Protein backbone atom coordinates (compact mmCIF):
# COMPACT_ATOMS: atom_id res chain seq x y z
CA MET A 1 91.75 93.44 92.08
CA LYS A 2 92.69 96.34 94.34
CA GLY A 3 90.27 96.46 97.29
CA GLN A 4 89.00 92.92 96.64
CA GLU A 5 91.94 90.89 97.86
CA HIS A 6 92.86 90.27 101.45
CA VAL A 7 95.98 89.18 103.28
CA ILE A 8 96.29 86.33 105.75
CA LEU A 9 97.51 87.75 109.05
CA LEU A 10 100.14 85.80 111.00
CA ASN A 11 101.51 85.77 114.51
CA GLU A 12 105.26 85.77 115.15
CA LYS A 13 105.31 81.95 114.90
CA GLY A 14 103.89 82.21 111.37
CA GLU A 15 100.48 80.87 112.40
CA GLN A 16 97.31 82.25 110.82
CA ILE A 17 95.41 84.59 113.14
CA GLY A 18 92.94 86.22 110.76
CA SER A 19 92.68 88.21 107.56
CA ALA A 20 92.37 91.85 106.49
CA GLU A 21 91.74 93.80 103.30
CA LYS A 22 95.03 94.00 101.34
CA TYR A 23 95.09 97.67 100.41
CA ALA A 24 93.99 98.89 103.86
CA VAL A 25 96.51 96.79 105.80
CA HIS A 26 99.60 98.17 104.02
CA THR A 27 100.47 101.21 106.12
CA ALA A 28 103.35 102.45 108.28
CA HIS A 29 102.30 99.72 110.75
CA THR A 30 101.65 96.76 108.44
CA PRO A 31 101.02 93.59 110.45
CA LEU A 32 102.87 90.38 109.63
CA HIS A 33 101.10 88.58 106.82
CA LEU A 34 101.55 85.85 104.21
CA ALA A 35 102.83 86.57 100.71
CA PHE A 36 104.86 84.97 97.91
CA SER A 37 107.49 85.96 95.36
CA CYS A 38 107.90 84.28 91.97
CA TRP A 39 110.77 84.39 89.47
CA ILE A 40 109.52 83.43 85.99
CA PHE A 41 111.88 81.86 83.43
CA ASN A 42 111.37 81.50 79.67
CA ASN A 43 112.54 78.58 77.47
CA GLN A 44 115.91 80.29 76.91
CA GLY A 45 116.54 80.36 80.66
CA GLU A 46 116.08 84.12 80.93
CA VAL A 47 114.29 85.54 83.97
CA LEU A 48 111.54 88.16 83.78
CA ILE A 49 112.14 91.31 85.80
CA THR A 50 109.31 93.80 86.14
CA ARG A 51 109.02 97.46 87.03
CA ARG A 52 106.17 98.16 89.41
CA SER A 53 103.47 100.54 88.18
CA LEU A 54 103.65 104.11 89.45
CA SER A 55 100.13 103.61 90.86
CA LYS A 56 101.35 100.92 93.31
CA LYS A 57 100.95 101.92 96.97
CA ALA A 58 104.40 100.65 97.98
CA TRP A 59 107.62 100.82 95.96
CA PRO A 60 106.06 102.40 92.85
CA GLY A 61 108.36 102.36 89.81
CA VAL A 62 110.85 99.95 91.39
CA TRP A 63 112.39 97.05 89.46
CA THR A 64 111.75 93.67 91.06
CA ASN A 65 111.41 89.95 90.42
CA SER A 66 108.67 88.76 88.08
CA VAL A 67 105.56 88.74 90.30
CA CYS A 68 104.65 89.02 93.98
CA GLY A 69 101.32 88.59 95.69
CA HIS A 70 99.28 87.29 98.57
CA PRO A 71 97.56 83.91 98.79
CA GLN A 72 93.87 84.12 99.60
CA LEU A 73 92.08 82.03 102.24
CA SER A 74 91.84 78.35 101.21
CA GLU A 75 94.24 78.92 98.30
CA SER A 76 97.52 77.01 97.92
CA PHE A 77 100.70 78.87 97.01
CA GLU A 78 100.61 77.26 93.56
CA GLN A 79 97.03 78.47 93.01
CA ALA A 80 97.93 81.97 94.24
CA ILE A 81 101.02 82.14 92.02
CA THR A 82 99.04 80.95 89.00
CA ARG A 83 96.28 83.52 89.65
CA ARG A 84 98.57 86.45 90.33
CA CYS A 85 100.99 85.75 87.46
CA ARG A 86 98.07 85.57 85.06
CA PHE A 87 96.67 88.86 86.44
CA GLU A 88 99.92 90.87 86.51
CA VAL A 89 101.80 89.67 83.43
CA GLY A 90 99.41 87.32 81.60
CA ALA A 91 101.68 84.37 82.35
CA ALA A 92 100.70 80.73 82.14
CA LEU A 93 103.15 78.66 84.18
CA THR A 94 104.49 75.20 84.69
CA ASP A 95 107.09 73.71 87.05
CA ILE A 96 106.24 75.99 90.01
CA THR A 97 109.06 75.18 92.45
CA PRO A 98 109.98 76.54 95.90
CA VAL A 99 113.46 78.07 95.96
CA TYR A 100 113.48 79.90 99.32
CA PRO A 101 110.48 78.67 101.34
CA GLU A 102 111.56 80.23 104.65
CA PHE A 103 112.03 83.81 103.34
CA ARG A 104 110.71 86.54 105.64
CA TYR A 105 111.38 90.26 105.62
CA CYS A 106 110.24 93.64 106.93
CA GLU A 107 111.17 96.77 104.93
CA THR A 108 109.92 100.36 104.70
CA ASP A 109 109.61 102.26 101.40
CA ALA A 110 110.36 105.98 100.94
CA SER A 111 106.74 106.95 101.66
CA GLY A 112 106.76 105.10 104.99
CA ILE A 113 104.70 102.10 103.83
CA VAL A 114 105.93 98.89 105.49
CA GLU A 115 106.01 95.41 103.98
CA ASN A 116 106.10 92.81 106.75
CA GLU A 117 105.83 89.37 105.20
CA VAL A 118 106.45 85.69 105.51
CA CYS A 119 107.10 85.35 101.79
CA PRO A 120 108.11 81.98 100.33
CA VAL A 121 109.99 82.39 97.05
CA TYR A 122 109.22 80.28 93.97
CA ALA A 123 110.49 79.90 90.43
CA ALA A 124 108.39 78.79 87.47
CA ARG A 125 108.56 78.32 83.71
CA LEU A 126 106.51 80.40 81.30
CA THR A 127 104.42 78.54 78.71
CA ASN A 128 103.03 81.50 76.72
CA THR A 129 103.70 85.10 75.69
CA ILE A 130 103.33 87.65 78.47
CA ALA A 131 100.85 90.56 78.40
CA LEU A 132 101.52 93.21 81.06
CA ASN A 133 98.70 94.63 83.17
CA PRO A 134 99.59 98.37 83.25
CA ASP A 135 97.88 98.79 86.64
CA GLU A 136 100.51 96.44 88.07
CA VAL A 137 103.57 96.53 85.81
CA MET A 138 104.89 99.48 83.79
CA ASP A 139 107.82 97.72 82.12
CA SER A 140 109.56 94.38 81.92
CA HIS A 141 112.72 92.78 80.54
CA TRP A 142 113.96 89.25 79.97
CA VAL A 143 117.55 88.99 81.23
CA SER A 144 120.06 86.25 81.79
CA LEU A 145 120.26 85.14 85.40
CA ASP A 146 124.02 85.84 85.47
CA ALA A 147 123.51 89.41 84.21
CA LEU A 148 120.74 89.96 86.75
CA PHE A 149 122.91 88.65 89.60
CA GLN A 150 125.69 91.03 88.50
CA ALA A 151 123.23 93.96 88.46
CA LEU A 152 121.85 93.05 91.89
CA ALA A 153 125.38 92.93 93.33
CA ALA A 154 126.51 96.17 91.66
CA THR A 155 123.37 98.31 92.06
CA PRO A 156 121.17 96.96 94.87
CA TRP A 157 119.54 100.39 95.26
CA ALA A 158 117.95 99.95 91.81
CA PHE A 159 115.82 96.94 92.87
CA SER A 160 113.18 96.07 95.46
CA PRO A 161 114.59 95.26 98.90
CA TRP A 162 112.92 91.84 98.92
CA MET A 163 114.58 90.92 95.63
CA ILE A 164 117.98 91.93 97.03
CA LEU A 165 117.40 89.88 100.19
CA GLN A 166 116.33 86.86 98.13
CA TYR A 167 119.43 87.22 95.94
CA ARG A 168 121.68 87.20 99.02
CA SER A 169 120.69 83.61 99.81
CA GLN A 170 123.24 81.28 98.16
CA GLU A 171 120.75 78.40 98.38
CA ALA A 172 118.09 80.45 96.56
CA ARG A 173 120.60 81.49 93.86
CA ASP A 174 121.60 77.84 93.37
CA LYS A 175 117.97 76.76 93.03
CA LEU A 176 117.18 79.60 90.61
CA ALA A 177 120.17 78.58 88.50
CA ARG A 178 118.55 75.17 87.95
CA PHE A 179 115.98 76.93 85.75
CA VAL A 180 118.72 77.93 83.30
CA PRO A 181 119.47 75.27 80.66
CA SER A 182 123.06 74.03 80.48
CA PRO A 183 124.96 75.28 77.41
């Protein structure tokens, strides 16, 4: 998919102003664009964390939430999440639910690449067995949400900055917790 996808460019009000090729736009001066983040849960209420492939342009080798991506023109967030989750981790999903719709961030990785995104956060339930795409994901683990929250609090440097920022929202944590079955 590298080189074939685009990003939807936004102005400071979050309004669409155009599009650009995804790989080319991610530089030290990345313009504001639309994205999404998804946290995938299994039937046991565990959440999938993934380690980004070393071939990724930004944050290679970093642990992060299940899947991130960019909606394409004329594509809903649900369609984009379904497409990207299938591509990156082979996931079929149900119950795609917004958990932090107003999330926005701008962060710079060690190489100087900037992510500058309006990035609504979603959670979803897995309905199949995952199959990692090694071009996107080099490793993954299913972990309890409580254990993940403890790790994010104790070692924020070990995870993507967007995942840490999402975790810091109490409302997002509460909504993610609804995907964990009661004992």
